[in-house]
C-alpha atoms as a PDB file:
ATOM      1  CA  MET A   1      28.549 115.494 158.113  1.00  0.00           C
ATOM      2  CA  SER A   2      27.672 117.419 161.289  1.00  0.00           C
ATOM      3  CA  ASP A   3      27.633 114.106 163.164  1.00  0.00           C
ATOM      4  CA  ALA A   4      31.176 113.335 161.950  1.00  0.00           C
ATOM      5  CA  LEU A   5      32.288 116.825 163.000  1.00  0.00           C
ATOM      6  CA  THR A   6      30.825 116.307 166.475  1.00  0.00           C
ATOM      7  CA  ARG A   7      32.496 112.910 166.855  1.00  0.00           C
ATOM      8  CA  PHE A   8      35.804 114.378 165.696  1.00  0.00           C
ATOM      9  CA  ASP A   9      35.676 117.242 168.214  1.00  0.00           C
ATOM     10  CA  GLU A  10      34.638 114.936 171.047  1.00  0.00           C
ATOM     11  CA  GLY A  11      37.411 112.485 170.148  1.00  0.00           C
ATOM     12  CA  LEU A  12      40.067 115.204 170.307  1.00  0.00           C
ATOM     13  CA  GLN A  13      38.736 116.369 173.681  1.00  0.00           C
ATOM     14  CA  LEU A  14      38.876 112.847 175.097  1.00  0.00           C
ATOM     15  CA  ILE A  15      42.499 112.449 173.962  1.00  0.00           C
ATOM     16  CA  LEU A  16      43.451 115.816 175.500  1.00  0.00           C
ATOM     17  CA  ALA A  17      41.707 114.917 178.741  1.00  0.00           C
ATOM     18  CA  GLU A  18      43.611 111.629 178.921  1.00  0.00           C
ATOM     19  CA  LEU A  19      46.887 113.483 178.361  1.00  0.00           C
ATOM     20  CA  GLU A  20      46.086 115.947 181.129  1.00  0.00           C
ATOM     21  CA  ARG A  21      45.419 113.061 183.512  1.00  0.00           C
ATOM     22  CA  GLY A  22      49.034 111.932 182.922  1.00  0.00           C
ATOM     23  CA  ALA A  23      48.570 109.096 180.459  1.00  0.00           C
ATOM     24  CA  PHE A  24      52.328 108.551 180.264  1.00  0.00           C
ATOM     25  CA  GLN A  25      53.269 109.161 183.901  1.00  0.00           C
ATOM     26  CA  ALA A  26      52.022 105.760 185.023  1.00  0.00           C
ATOM     27  CA  ALA A  27      54.580 104.009 182.803  1.00  0.00           C
ATOM     28  CA  THR A  28      57.535 102.718 184.847  1.00  0.00           C
ATOM     29  CA  THR A  29      59.471 101.077 181.984  1.00  0.00           C
ATOM     30  CA  GLU A  30      60.225 102.045 178.399  1.00  0.00           C
ATOM     31  CA  GLN A  31      58.117  99.126 177.153  1.00  0.00           C
ATOM     32  CA  GLU A  32      55.066 100.335 179.125  1.00  0.00           C
ATOM     33  CA  LEU A  33      55.670 103.868 177.836  1.00  0.00           C
ATOM     34  CA  ARG A  34      55.770 102.756 174.204  1.00  0.00           C
ATOM     35  CA  GLU A  35      52.600 100.706 174.677  1.00  0.00           C
ATOM     36  CA  ALA A  36      50.860 103.789 176.093  1.00  0.00           C
ATOM     37  CA  ASN A  37      52.070 105.857 173.137  1.00  0.00           C
ATOM     38  CA  ALA A  38      50.752 103.219 170.710  1.00  0.00           C
ATOM     39  CA  ARG A  39      47.280 103.617 172.248  1.00  0.00           C
ATOM     40  CA  PHE A  40      47.287 107.140 170.828  1.00  0.00           C
ATOM     41  CA  VAL A  41      49.295 107.023 167.591  1.00  0.00           C
ATOM     42  CA  GLY A  42      49.741 103.334 166.853  1.00  0.00           C
ATOM     43  CA  ALA A  43      48.038 101.596 163.935  1.00  0.00           C
ATOM     44  CA  GLN A  44      44.901 101.113 166.059  1.00  0.00           C
ATOM     45  CA  GLY A  45      45.477 104.181 168.260  1.00  0.00           C
ATOM     46  CA  SER A  46      42.713 106.591 169.138  1.00  0.00           C
ATOM     47  CA  LEU A  47      44.187 109.539 167.217  1.00  0.00           C
ATOM     48  CA  THR A  48      44.935 107.327 164.209  1.00  0.00           C
ATOM     49  CA  GLN A  49      41.344 106.097 164.125  1.00  0.00           C
ATOM     50  CA  LEU A  50      40.034 109.632 164.588  1.00  0.00           C
ATOM     51  CA  MET A  51      41.958 110.873 161.557  1.00  0.00           C
ATOM     52  CA  LYS A  52      39.996 108.427 159.411  1.00  0.00           C
ATOM     53  CA  LEU A  53      36.958 110.677 159.992  1.00  0.00           C
ATOM     54  CA  MET A  54      38.617 113.503 158.055  1.00  0.00           C
ATOM     55  CA  ARG A  55      37.125 112.300 154.774  1.00  0.00           C
ATOM     56  CA  GLU A  56      33.630 112.644 156.264  1.00  0.00           C
ATOM     57  CA  LEU A  57      34.109 116.246 157.453  1.00  0.00           C
ATOM     58  CA  PRO A  58      32.757 119.271 155.517  1.00  0.00           C
ATOM     59  CA  GLY A  59      35.314 120.636 153.066  1.00  0.00           C
ATOM     60  CA  ASP A  60      35.717 123.966 154.854  1.00  0.00           C
ATOM     61  CA  ALA A  61      36.294 122.192 158.189  1.00  0.00           C
ATOM     62  CA  ARG A  62      39.027 119.807 157.134  1.00  0.00           C
ATOM     63  CA  ARG A  63      41.894 122.304 157.219  1.00  0.00           C
ATOM     64  CA  PRO A  64      41.247 123.719 160.728  1.00  0.00           C
ATOM     65  CA  LYS A  65      40.396 120.292 162.151  1.00  0.00           C
ATOM     66  CA  GLY A  66      43.552 118.830 160.590  1.00  0.00           C
ATOM     67  CA  GLN A  67      45.619 121.563 162.227  1.00  0.00           C
ATOM     68  CA  ALA A  68      43.955 120.861 165.573  1.00  0.00           C
ATOM     69  CA  ALA A  69      44.721 117.135 165.234  1.00  0.00           C
ATOM     70  CA  ASN A  70      48.361 117.901 164.424  1.00  0.00           C
ATOM     71  CA  GLU A  71      48.614 120.062 167.536  1.00  0.00           C
ATOM     72  CA  VAL A  72      47.282 117.167 169.606  1.00  0.00           C
ATOM     73  CA  ARG A  73      49.782 114.832 167.939  1.00  0.00           C
ATOM     74  CA  ALA A  74      52.578 117.261 168.825  1.00  0.00           C
ATOM     75  CA  ARG A  75      51.449 117.318 172.464  1.00  0.00           C
ATOM     76  CA  ILE A  76      51.427 113.513 172.534  1.00  0.00           C
ATOM     77  CA  GLU A  77      54.971 113.398 171.139  1.00  0.00           C
ATOM     78  CA  GLN A  78      56.150 116.039 173.636  1.00  0.00           C
ATOM     79  CA  ALA A  79      54.650 114.142 176.569  1.00  0.00           C
ATOM     80  CA  PHE A  80      56.101 110.862 175.326  1.00  0.00           C
ATOM     81  CA  GLN A  81      59.612 112.249 174.875  1.00  0.00           C
ATOM     82  CA  GLY A  82      59.463 113.980 178.255  1.00  0.00           C
ATOM     83  CA  ARG A  83      58.543 110.793 180.090  1.00  0.00           C
ATOM     84  CA  LEU A  84      61.130 108.789 178.095  1.00  0.00           C
ATOM     85  CA  ALA A  85      63.857 111.198 179.167  1.00  0.00           C
ATOM     86  CA  SER A  86      62.688 110.879 182.780  1.00  0.00           C
ATOM     87  CA  LEU A  87      62.815 107.089 182.667  1.00  0.00           C
ATOM     88  CA  GLU A  88      66.339 107.182 181.201  1.00  0.00           C
ATOM     89  CA  ALA A  89      67.459 109.614 183.888  1.00  0.00           C
ATOM     90  CA  GLU A  90      65.932 107.415 186.614  1.00  0.00           C
ATOM     91  CA  ALA A  91      67.705 104.338 185.232  1.00  0.00           C
ATOM     92  CA  LEU A  92      71.026 106.177 185.156  1.00  0.00           C
ATOM     93  CA  ALA A  93      70.544 107.369 188.716  1.00  0.00           C
ATOM     94  CA  ARG A  94      69.872 103.819 189.872  1.00  0.00           C
ATOM     95  CA  ASP A  95      73.007 102.566 188.135  1.00  0.00           C
ATOM     96  CA  LEU A  96      75.131 105.290 189.713  1.00  0.00           C
ATOM     97  CA  ALA A  97      73.676 104.662 193.151  1.00  0.00           C
ATOM     98  CA  ALA A  98      74.343 100.924 193.004  1.00  0.00           C
ATOM     99  CA  PRO A  99      77.545  99.776 194.728  1.00  0.00           C
ATOM    100  CA  PHE A 100      80.432  98.874 192.430  1.00  0.00           C
ATOM    101  CA  ASP A 101      84.108  98.123 192.830  1.00  0.00           C
ATOM    102  CA  VAL A 102      86.163 100.890 191.222  1.00  0.00           C
ATOM    103  CA  THR A 103      89.292  98.719 191.496  1.00  0.00           C
ATOM    104  CA  LEU A 104      87.983  96.145 189.000  1.00  0.00           C
ATOM    105  CA  PRO A 105      89.977  96.146 185.754  1.00  0.00           C
ATOM    106  CA  GLY A 106      88.286  97.657 182.736  1.00  0.00           C
ATOM    107  CA  ARG A 107      86.764  95.542 180.019  1.00  0.00           C
ATOM    108  CA  GLY A 108      89.224  95.839 177.166  1.00  0.00           C
ATOM    109  CA  VAL A 109      88.125  95.863 173.556  1.00  0.00           C
ATOM    110  CA  THR A 110      89.109  92.621 171.839  1.00  0.00           C
ATOM    111  CA  PRO A 111      90.922  93.541 168.624  1.00  0.00           C
ATOM    112  CA  GLY A 112      89.661  92.011 165.418  1.00  0.00           C
ATOM    113  CA  ARG A 113      91.768  89.904 163.121  1.00  0.00           C
ATOM    114  CA  LEU A 114      91.809  88.776 159.539  1.00  0.00           C
ATOM    115  CA  HIS A 115      90.037  85.570 158.567  1.00  0.00           C
ATOM    116  CA  PRO A 116      92.413  82.576 158.203  1.00  0.00           C
ATOM    117  CA  ILE A 117      91.703  82.375 154.467  1.00  0.00           C
ATOM    118  CA  THR A 118      92.414  86.086 154.023  1.00  0.00           C
ATOM    119  CA  ARG A 119      95.669  85.780 155.956  1.00  0.00           C
ATOM    120  CA  VAL A 120      96.852  82.871 153.805  1.00  0.00           C
ATOM    121  CA  LYS A 121      95.753  84.654 150.606  1.00  0.00           C
ATOM    122  CA  HIS A 122      97.788  87.725 151.510  1.00  0.00           C
ATOM    123  CA  GLU A 123     100.793  85.561 152.321  1.00  0.00           C
ATOM    124  CA  LEU A 124     100.604  83.743 148.975  1.00  0.00           C
ATOM    125  CA  LEU A 125     100.197  86.965 147.006  1.00  0.00           C
ATOM    126  CA  GLU A 126     103.125  88.584 148.787  1.00  0.00           C
ATOM    127  CA  ILE A 127     105.373  85.655 147.897  1.00  0.00           C
ATOM    128  CA  PHE A 128     104.452  85.760 144.214  1.00  0.00           C
ATOM    129  CA  GLU A 129     104.745  89.537 144.170  1.00  0.00           C
ATOM    130  CA  SER A 130     108.300  89.182 145.521  1.00  0.00           C
ATOM    131  CA  LEU A 131     108.991  86.783 142.635  1.00  0.00           C
ATOM    132  CA  GLY A 132     108.034  89.464 140.113  1.00  0.00           C
ATOM    133  CA  PHE A 133     104.353  88.695 139.534  1.00  0.00           C
ATOM    134  CA  GLU A 134     101.841  91.537 139.275  1.00  0.00           C
ATOM    135  CA  VAL A 135      98.784  91.165 141.537  1.00  0.00           C
ATOM    136  CA  VAL A 136      95.456  91.835 139.787  1.00  0.00           C
ATOM    137  CA  ASP A 137      91.803  91.403 140.697  1.00  0.00           C
ATOM    138  CA  GLY A 138      88.695  90.644 138.657  1.00  0.00           C
ATOM    139  CA  PRO A 139      84.916  90.175 138.869  1.00  0.00           C
ATOM    140  CA  GLU A 140      83.293  87.122 140.438  1.00  0.00           C
ATOM    141  CA  ILE A 141      80.490  87.283 137.837  1.00  0.00           C
ATOM    142  CA  ASP A 142      81.984  86.835 134.380  1.00  0.00           C
ATOM    143  CA  LEU A 143      81.073  85.967 130.809  1.00  0.00           C
ATOM    144  CA  HIS A 144      80.655  82.345 129.780  1.00  0.00           C
ATOM    145  CA  GLU A 145      83.207  82.873 127.014  1.00  0.00           C
ATOM    146  CA  ASN A 146      85.862  84.062 129.496  1.00  0.00           C
ATOM    147  CA  CYS A 147      85.184  81.192 131.877  1.00  0.00           C
ATOM    148  CA  PHE A 148      84.967  78.389 129.296  1.00  0.00           C
ATOM    149  CA  ASP A 149      84.984  79.122 125.556  1.00  0.00           C
ATOM    150  CA  ARG A 150      88.168  81.177 125.251  1.00  0.00           C
ATOM    151  CA  LEU A 151      89.975  78.832 127.651  1.00  0.00           C
ATOM    152  CA  GLY A 152      89.458  75.923 125.255  1.00  0.00           C
ATOM    153  CA  PHE A 153      86.667  74.062 127.059  1.00  0.00           C
ATOM    154  CA  PRO A 154      84.628  72.006 124.567  1.00  0.00           C
ATOM    155  CA  PRO A 155      80.916  72.919 124.486  1.00  0.00           C
ATOM    156  CA  ASP A 156      79.918  69.592 126.060  1.00  0.00           C
ATOM    157  CA  HIS A 157      82.421  69.771 128.922  1.00  0.00           C
ATOM    158  CA  PRO A 158      80.704  68.795 132.234  1.00  0.00           C
ATOM    159  CA  ALA A 159      81.814  72.059 133.904  1.00  0.00           C
ATOM    160  CA  THR A 160      79.575  74.009 131.516  1.00  0.00           C
ATOM    161  CA  ASP A 161      76.473  72.036 132.504  1.00  0.00           C
ATOM    162  CA  MET A 162      73.609  73.824 134.249  1.00  0.00           C
ATOM    163  CA  GLN A 163      73.842  71.353 137.132  1.00  0.00           C
ATOM    164  CA  ASP A 164      77.521  72.127 137.753  1.00  0.00           C
ATOM    165  CA  THR A 165      77.584  75.899 137.357  1.00  0.00           C
ATOM    166  CA  PHE A 166      75.776  78.877 138.924  1.00  0.00           C
ATOM    167  CA  PHE A 167      74.444  80.814 135.940  1.00  0.00           C
ATOM    168  CA  VAL A 168      73.236  84.393 136.408  1.00  0.00           C
ATOM    169  CA  THR A 169      71.903  85.051 132.899  1.00  0.00           C
ATOM    170  CA  HIS A 170      71.576  82.620 130.024  1.00  0.00           C
ATOM    171  CA  ARG A 171      71.291  83.294 126.306  1.00  0.00           C
ATOM    172  CA  ASP A 172      69.163  80.159 125.855  1.00  0.00           C
ATOM    173  CA  ARG A 173      66.554  81.772 128.107  1.00  0.00           C
ATOM    174  CA  GLY A 174      66.401  85.027 126.167  1.00  0.00           C
ATOM    175  CA  ASP A 175      69.183  87.029 127.837  1.00  0.00           C
ATOM    176  CA  ASP A 176      71.641  89.028 125.726  1.00  0.00           C
ATOM    177  CA  VAL A 177      74.689  87.169 127.075  1.00  0.00           C
ATOM    178  CA  THR A 178      75.423  84.189 129.299  1.00  0.00           C
ATOM    179  CA  THR A 179      77.012  85.115 132.621  1.00  0.00           C
ATOM    180  CA  LEU A 180      77.849  83.020 135.657  1.00  0.00           C
ATOM    181  CA  LEU A 181      79.620  82.966 138.974  1.00  0.00           C
ATOM    182  CA  ARG A 182      83.158  82.158 137.866  1.00  0.00           C
ATOM    183  CA  THR A 183      84.120  78.533 138.404  1.00  0.00           C
ATOM    184  CA  HIS A 184      87.844  79.329 138.549  1.00  0.00           C
ATOM    185  CA  THR A 185      90.214  82.299 138.618  1.00  0.00           C
ATOM    186  CA  SER A 186      91.484  81.255 135.163  1.00  0.00           C
ATOM    187  CA  THR A 187      89.169  83.939 133.766  1.00  0.00           C
ATOM    188  CA  MET A 188      91.955  86.376 134.678  1.00  0.00           C
ATOM    189  CA  GLN A 189      94.191  84.788 132.015  1.00  0.00           C
ATOM    190  CA  ILE A 190      91.716  85.839 129.330  1.00  0.00           C
ATOM    191  CA  ARG A 191      91.075  89.264 130.829  1.00  0.00           C
ATOM    192  CA  GLU A 192      94.709  90.241 131.291  1.00  0.00           C
ATOM    193  CA  MET A 193      96.079  88.799 128.046  1.00  0.00           C
ATOM    194  CA  SER A 194      93.222  90.387 126.064  1.00  0.00           C
ATOM    195  CA  ARG A 195      94.125  93.883 127.207  1.00  0.00           C
ATOM    196  CA  ARG A 196      97.921  93.955 126.831  1.00  0.00           C
ATOM    197  CA  PRO A 197     100.743  92.240 124.926  1.00  0.00           C
ATOM    198  CA  PRO A 198     103.417  89.986 126.427  1.00  0.00           C
ATOM    199  CA  PRO A 199     105.648  89.730 128.337  1.00  0.00           C
ATOM    200  CA  LEU A 200     103.552  89.578 131.477  1.00  0.00           C
ATOM    201  CA  ALA A 201     103.556  87.713 134.785  1.00  0.00           C
ATOM    202  CA  VAL A 202     100.280  87.934 136.686  1.00  0.00           C
ATOM    203  CA  VAL A 203      98.785  86.419 139.826  1.00  0.00           C
ATOM    204  CA  SER A 204      95.199  86.761 141.052  1.00  0.00           C
ATOM    205  CA  ALA A 205      93.209  85.328 143.956  1.00  0.00           C
ATOM    206  CA  GLY A 206      89.575  85.250 144.992  1.00  0.00           C
ATOM    207  CA  ALA A 207      86.343  83.333 145.458  1.00  0.00           C
ATOM    208  CA  VAL A 208      85.065  80.822 142.897  1.00  0.00           C
ATOM    209  CA  TYR A 209      81.818  78.855 142.772  1.00  0.00           C
ATOM    210  CA  ARG A 210      80.896  75.314 141.794  1.00  0.00           C
ATOM    211  CA  ARG A 211      77.813  73.295 142.677  1.00  0.00           C
ATOM    212  CA  ASP A 212      78.932  70.529 145.027  1.00  0.00           C
ATOM    213  CA  ASP A 213      76.788  68.258 147.219  1.00  0.00           C
ATOM    214  CA  ASP A 214      79.773  66.513 148.793  1.00  0.00           C
ATOM    215  CA  ALA A 215      79.676  67.149 152.549  1.00  0.00           C
ATOM    216  CA  THR A 216      83.454  67.569 152.613  1.00  0.00           C
ATOM    217  CA  HIS A 217      83.398  70.349 149.983  1.00  0.00           C
ATOM    218  CA  SER A 218      81.947  73.833 149.712  1.00  0.00           C
ATOM    219  CA  PRO A 219      80.105  75.376 146.728  1.00  0.00           C
ATOM    220  CA  MET A 220      82.170  78.522 147.311  1.00  0.00           C
ATOM    221  CA  PHE A 221      85.912  78.378 147.834  1.00  0.00           C
ATOM    222  CA  HIS A 222      89.055  80.387 147.048  1.00  0.00           C
ATOM    223  CA  GLN A 223      91.737  79.981 144.419  1.00  0.00           C
ATOM    224  CA  ILE A 224      94.992  81.648 143.507  1.00  0.00           C
ATOM    225  CA  GLU A 225      95.986  81.622 139.847  1.00  0.00           C
ATOM    226  CA  GLY A 226      99.226  82.726 138.237  1.00  0.00           C
ATOM    227  CA  PHE A 227     100.563  82.762 134.711  1.00  0.00           C
ATOM    228  CA  LEU A 228     103.613  83.976 132.822  1.00  0.00           C
ATOM    229  CA  VAL A 229     103.885  84.622 129.085  1.00  0.00           C
ATOM    230  CA  ASP A 230     107.057  85.494 127.167  1.00  0.00           C
ATOM    231  CA  GLU A 231     109.352  84.055 124.504  1.00  0.00           C
ATOM    232  CA  ARG A 232     110.820  80.578 125.081  1.00  0.00           C
ATOM    233  CA  VAL A 233     109.046  79.857 128.401  1.00  0.00           C
ATOM    234  CA  THR A 234     109.344  76.182 129.390  1.00  0.00           C
ATOM    235  CA  MET A 235     108.152  73.669 131.971  1.00  0.00           C
ATOM    236  CA  ALA A 236     111.519  74.116 133.679  1.00  0.00           C
ATOM    237  CA  ASP A 237     110.623  77.769 134.321  1.00  0.00           C
ATOM    238  CA  LEU A 238     107.269  76.653 135.746  1.00  0.00           C
ATOM    239  CA  LYS A 239     108.820  74.141 138.115  1.00  0.00           C
ATOM    240  CA  GLY A 240     111.457  76.651 139.190  1.00  0.00           C
ATOM    241  CA  VAL A 241     108.821  79.230 140.139  1.00  0.00           C
ATOM    242  CA  LEU A 242     106.783  76.639 142.022  1.00  0.00           C
ATOM    243  CA  GLN A 243     109.903  75.376 143.803  1.00  0.00           C
ATOM    244  CA  ARG A 244     110.856  78.848 144.990  1.00  0.00           C
ATOM    245  CA  PHE A 245     107.265  79.656 145.969  1.00  0.00           C
ATOM    246  CA  LEU A 246     106.833  76.521 148.101  1.00  0.00           C
ATOM    247  CA  GLU A 247     110.216  76.967 149.773  1.00  0.00           C
ATOM    248  CA  ARG A 248     109.219  80.462 150.859  1.00  0.00           C
ATOM    249  CA  LEU A 249     105.754  79.325 151.882  1.00  0.00           C
ATOM    250  CA  TYR A 250     106.941  76.476 154.096  1.00  0.00           C
ATOM    251  CA  GLY A 251     110.179  78.105 155.171  1.00  0.00           C
ATOM    252  CA  GLY A 252     112.700  75.455 154.174  1.00  0.00           C
ATOM    253  CA  GLU A 253     113.625  72.752 151.740  1.00  0.00           C
ATOM    254  CA  VAL A 254     110.688  71.342 149.763  1.00  0.00           C
ATOM    255  CA  GLU A 255     110.539  68.645 147.107  1.00  0.00           C
ATOM    256  CA  VAL A 256     108.263  69.331 144.143  1.00  0.00           C
ATOM    257  CA  ARG A 257     106.985  66.901 141.536  1.00  0.00           C
ATOM    258  CA  LEU A 258     104.686  67.360 138.560  1.00  0.00           C
ATOM    259  CA  ARG A 259     102.317  64.487 137.762  1.00  0.00           C
ATOM    260  CA  PRO A 260     100.789  64.401 134.252  1.00  0.00           C
ATOM    261  CA  SER A 261      97.138  65.478 134.305  1.00  0.00           C
ATOM    262  CA  TYR A 262      94.521  66.985 131.993  1.00  0.00           C
ATOM    263  CA  PHE A 263      93.169  70.540 132.022  1.00  0.00           C
ATOM    264  CA  PRO A 264      91.474  71.977 128.902  1.00  0.00           C
ATOM    265  CA  PHE A 265      93.484  75.206 128.894  1.00  0.00           C
ATOM    266  CA  VAL A 266      97.024  73.787 129.256  1.00  0.00           C
ATOM    267  CA  GLU A 267      99.092  71.303 127.243  1.00  0.00           C
ATOM    268  CA  PRO A 268     100.892  69.523 128.756  1.00  0.00           C
ATOM    269  CA  GLY A 269      99.170  69.684 132.142  1.00  0.00           C
ATOM    270  CA  ALA A 270     100.220  68.429 135.542  1.00  0.00           C
ATOM    271  CA  GLU A 271      99.218  68.138 139.179  1.00  0.00           C
ATOM    272  CA  ILE A 272     101.572  69.832 141.637  1.00  0.00           C
ATOM    273  CA  ASP A 273     102.721  67.681 144.565  1.00  0.00           C
ATOM    274  CA  ALA A 274     105.037  68.813 147.356  1.00  0.00           C
ATOM    275  CA  ARG A 275     106.575  67.371 150.484  1.00  0.00           C
ATOM    276  CA  ARG A 276     109.194  68.190 153.045  1.00  0.00           C
ATOM    277  CA  PRO A 277     112.241  65.885 152.966  1.00  0.00           C
ATOM    278  CA  GLY A 278     111.162  62.516 154.354  1.00  0.00           C
ATOM    279  CA  GLY A 279     107.502  63.503 154.541  1.00  0.00           C
ATOM    280  CA  SER A 280     104.504  62.376 152.520  1.00  0.00           C
ATOM    281  CA  TRP A 281     103.448  63.908 149.225  1.00  0.00           C
ATOM    282  CA  MET A 282     100.575  66.425 149.270  1.00  0.00           C
ATOM    283  CA  GLU A 283      98.681  67.658 146.224  1.00  0.00           C
ATOM    284  CA  ILE A 284      98.927  71.462 145.990  1.00  0.00           C
ATOM    285  CA  GLY A 285      97.152  72.303 142.729  1.00  0.00           C
ATOM    286  CA  GLY A 286      97.291  72.097 138.954  1.00  0.00           C
ATOM    287  CA  CYS A 287      99.533  73.645 136.328  1.00  0.00           C
ATOM    288  CA  GLY A 288     100.828  73.369 132.768  1.00  0.00           C
ATOM    289  CA  MET A 289     101.888  75.170 129.624  1.00  0.00           C
ATOM    290  CA  ILE A 290      99.204  77.509 128.298  1.00  0.00           C
ATOM    291  CA  HIS A 291      97.371  75.875 125.372  1.00  0.00           C
ATOM    292  CA  PRO A 292      97.926  77.466 121.920  1.00  0.00           C
ATOM    293  CA  VAL A 293      94.117  77.773 121.568  1.00  0.00           C
ATOM    294  CA  VAL A 294      94.064  80.159 124.536  1.00  0.00           C
ATOM    295  CA  PHE A 295      96.735  82.315 122.884  1.00  0.00           C
ATOM    296  CA  GLU A 296      94.750  82.392 119.653  1.00  0.00           C
ATOM    297  CA  HIS A 297      91.614  83.500 121.501  1.00  0.00           C
ATOM    298  CA  VAL A 298      93.416  86.495 123.064  1.00  0.00           C
ATOM    299  CA  GLY A 299      95.238  87.521 119.869  1.00  0.00           C
ATOM    300  CA  TYR A 300      98.692  86.153 120.690  1.00  0.00           C
ATOM    301  CA  ASP A 301     100.758  84.236 118.129  1.00  0.00           C
ATOM    302  CA  PRO A 302     101.490  80.790 119.647  1.00  0.00           C
ATOM    303  CA  SER A 303     104.489  80.430 117.338  1.00  0.00           C
ATOM    304  CA  GLN A 304     106.089  83.500 118.889  1.00  0.00           C
ATOM    305  CA  VAL A 305     105.243  83.198 122.586  1.00  0.00           C
ATOM    306  CA  SER A 306     104.762  80.502 125.203  1.00  0.00           C
ATOM    307  CA  GLY A 307     103.750  80.530 128.823  1.00  0.00           C
ATOM    308  CA  PHE A 308     102.729  78.579 131.875  1.00  0.00           C
ATOM    309  CA  ALA A 309      99.831  78.769 134.304  1.00  0.00           C
ATOM    310  CA  PHE A 310      99.160  77.315 137.733  1.00  0.00           C
ATOM    311  CA  GLY A 311      96.285  77.313 140.185  1.00  0.00           C
ATOM    312  CA  MET A 312      95.944  76.326 143.822  1.00  0.00           C
ATOM    313  CA  GLY A 313      93.222  76.136 146.442  1.00  0.00           C
ATOM    314  CA  ILE A 314      93.730  78.735 149.159  1.00  0.00           C
ATOM    315  CA  ASP A 315      91.250  77.050 151.489  1.00  0.00           C
ATOM    316  CA  ARG A 316      93.190  73.772 151.402  1.00  0.00           C
ATOM    317  CA  MET A 317      96.423  75.596 152.201  1.00  0.00           C
ATOM    318  CA  ALA A 318      94.717  77.364 155.096  1.00  0.00           C
ATOM    319  CA  MET A 319      93.456  74.021 156.397  1.00  0.00           C
ATOM    320  CA  VAL A 320      96.992  72.590 156.291  1.00  0.00           C
ATOM    321  CA  LYS A 321      98.575  75.689 157.810  1.00  0.00           C
ATOM    322  CA  PHE A 322      96.133  75.939 160.736  1.00  0.00           C
ATOM    323  CA  GLY A 323      95.209  72.261 161.146  1.00  0.00           C
ATOM    324  CA  VAL A 324      91.528  72.689 160.233  1.00  0.00           C
ATOM    325  CA  PRO A 325      89.821  69.263 159.856  1.00  0.00           C
ATOM    326  CA  ASN A 326      86.720  70.362 157.867  1.00  0.00           C
ATOM    327  CA  ILE A 327      86.483  73.114 155.259  1.00  0.00           C
ATOM    328  CA  LYS A 328      82.986  74.103 156.432  1.00  0.00           C
ATOM    329  CA  LEU A 329      84.481  75.407 159.672  1.00  0.00           C
ATOM    330  CA  LEU A 330      86.086  78.183 157.647  1.00  0.00           C
ATOM    331  CA  PHE A 331      82.696  79.494 156.479  1.00  0.00           C
ATOM    332  CA  GLU A 332      80.441  79.144 159.540  1.00  0.00           C
ATOM    333  CA  ASN A 333      81.659  82.432 161.105  1.00  0.00           C
ATOM    334  CA  ASP A 334      81.898  80.955 164.602  1.00  0.00           C
ATOM    335  CA  VAL A 335      83.979  83.554 166.475  1.00  0.00           C
ATOM    336  CA  ARG A 336      85.100  80.907 168.964  1.00  0.00           C
ATOM    337  CA  PHE A 337      86.716  78.987 166.122  1.00  0.00           C
ATOM    338  CA  LEU A 338      88.032  81.986 164.184  1.00  0.00           C
ATOM    339  CA  GLY A 339      89.404  83.582 167.353  1.00  0.00           C
ATOM    340  CA  SER A 340      91.617  80.557 168.037  1.00  0.00           C
ATOM    341  CA  PHE A 341      94.087  81.439 165.265  1.00  0.00           C
END
């Protein structure tokens, strides 16, 4: 133990002697200064290695020797900070002494801007809000029953397959409930109708997730979903809302057609196509009359109420609005691309 005590005392004296010789003064850059500091207190530094001897010291010597080591550590830190401040002051003095043209214009701060998808989403929501729809938001991780079961999807529907959906928890694997990244914003139909009675007109927008290996698609994209429930709601009401929405969106006359199509949670269902007079038809989204099964699952009486629902891809509308050729450009966060809008 006396040998360890001697080595400890000699080690502290060597460190102090090196400090007194100006161990940090030779450093001319911050990098050199930090390397010099690491030679004392780094992982392999002399003081760090010396502290490993503490366990070998006599019990009554550990406290005073520990205090002495801490004093040395404090002196190292003081010398390091003093030299760091000197280097910073020297660098500032060099910058101020260097010639510069005071007539050069200042470098302005480039203002930020909303992402193209966010801008289009806000525009769509504002239009529907002006038409009397209430804007709501919901979680991106939802229950399997809200995403599929209560919307009338059969258990063997391909969208419920493990290869098509991003599951978070799964009852078949021992979890209490099955949850997933929502595959559509239609979950908001179940959530909103389950918590209040009709009449109601609701619109919601946000990110949805579907596994997709197609190079022209993205596994994460954005949808806007709206629905209206009341007495004696018809397809004519649906088409009228879509007509007014698209006219406001595109700022002029727009033709709208509904092509028969299948969606599990509407009956009848249709694809929404639109075009300007004389132009070509473009698919906008899907829609239809809310299926009676959905009403039953949320506690509504399908013999007393009816309603319609519609959904559209925000990303596709942003691509059309801004002339974006590939959807992946919207998610690569290239400021050169995003700053061009």
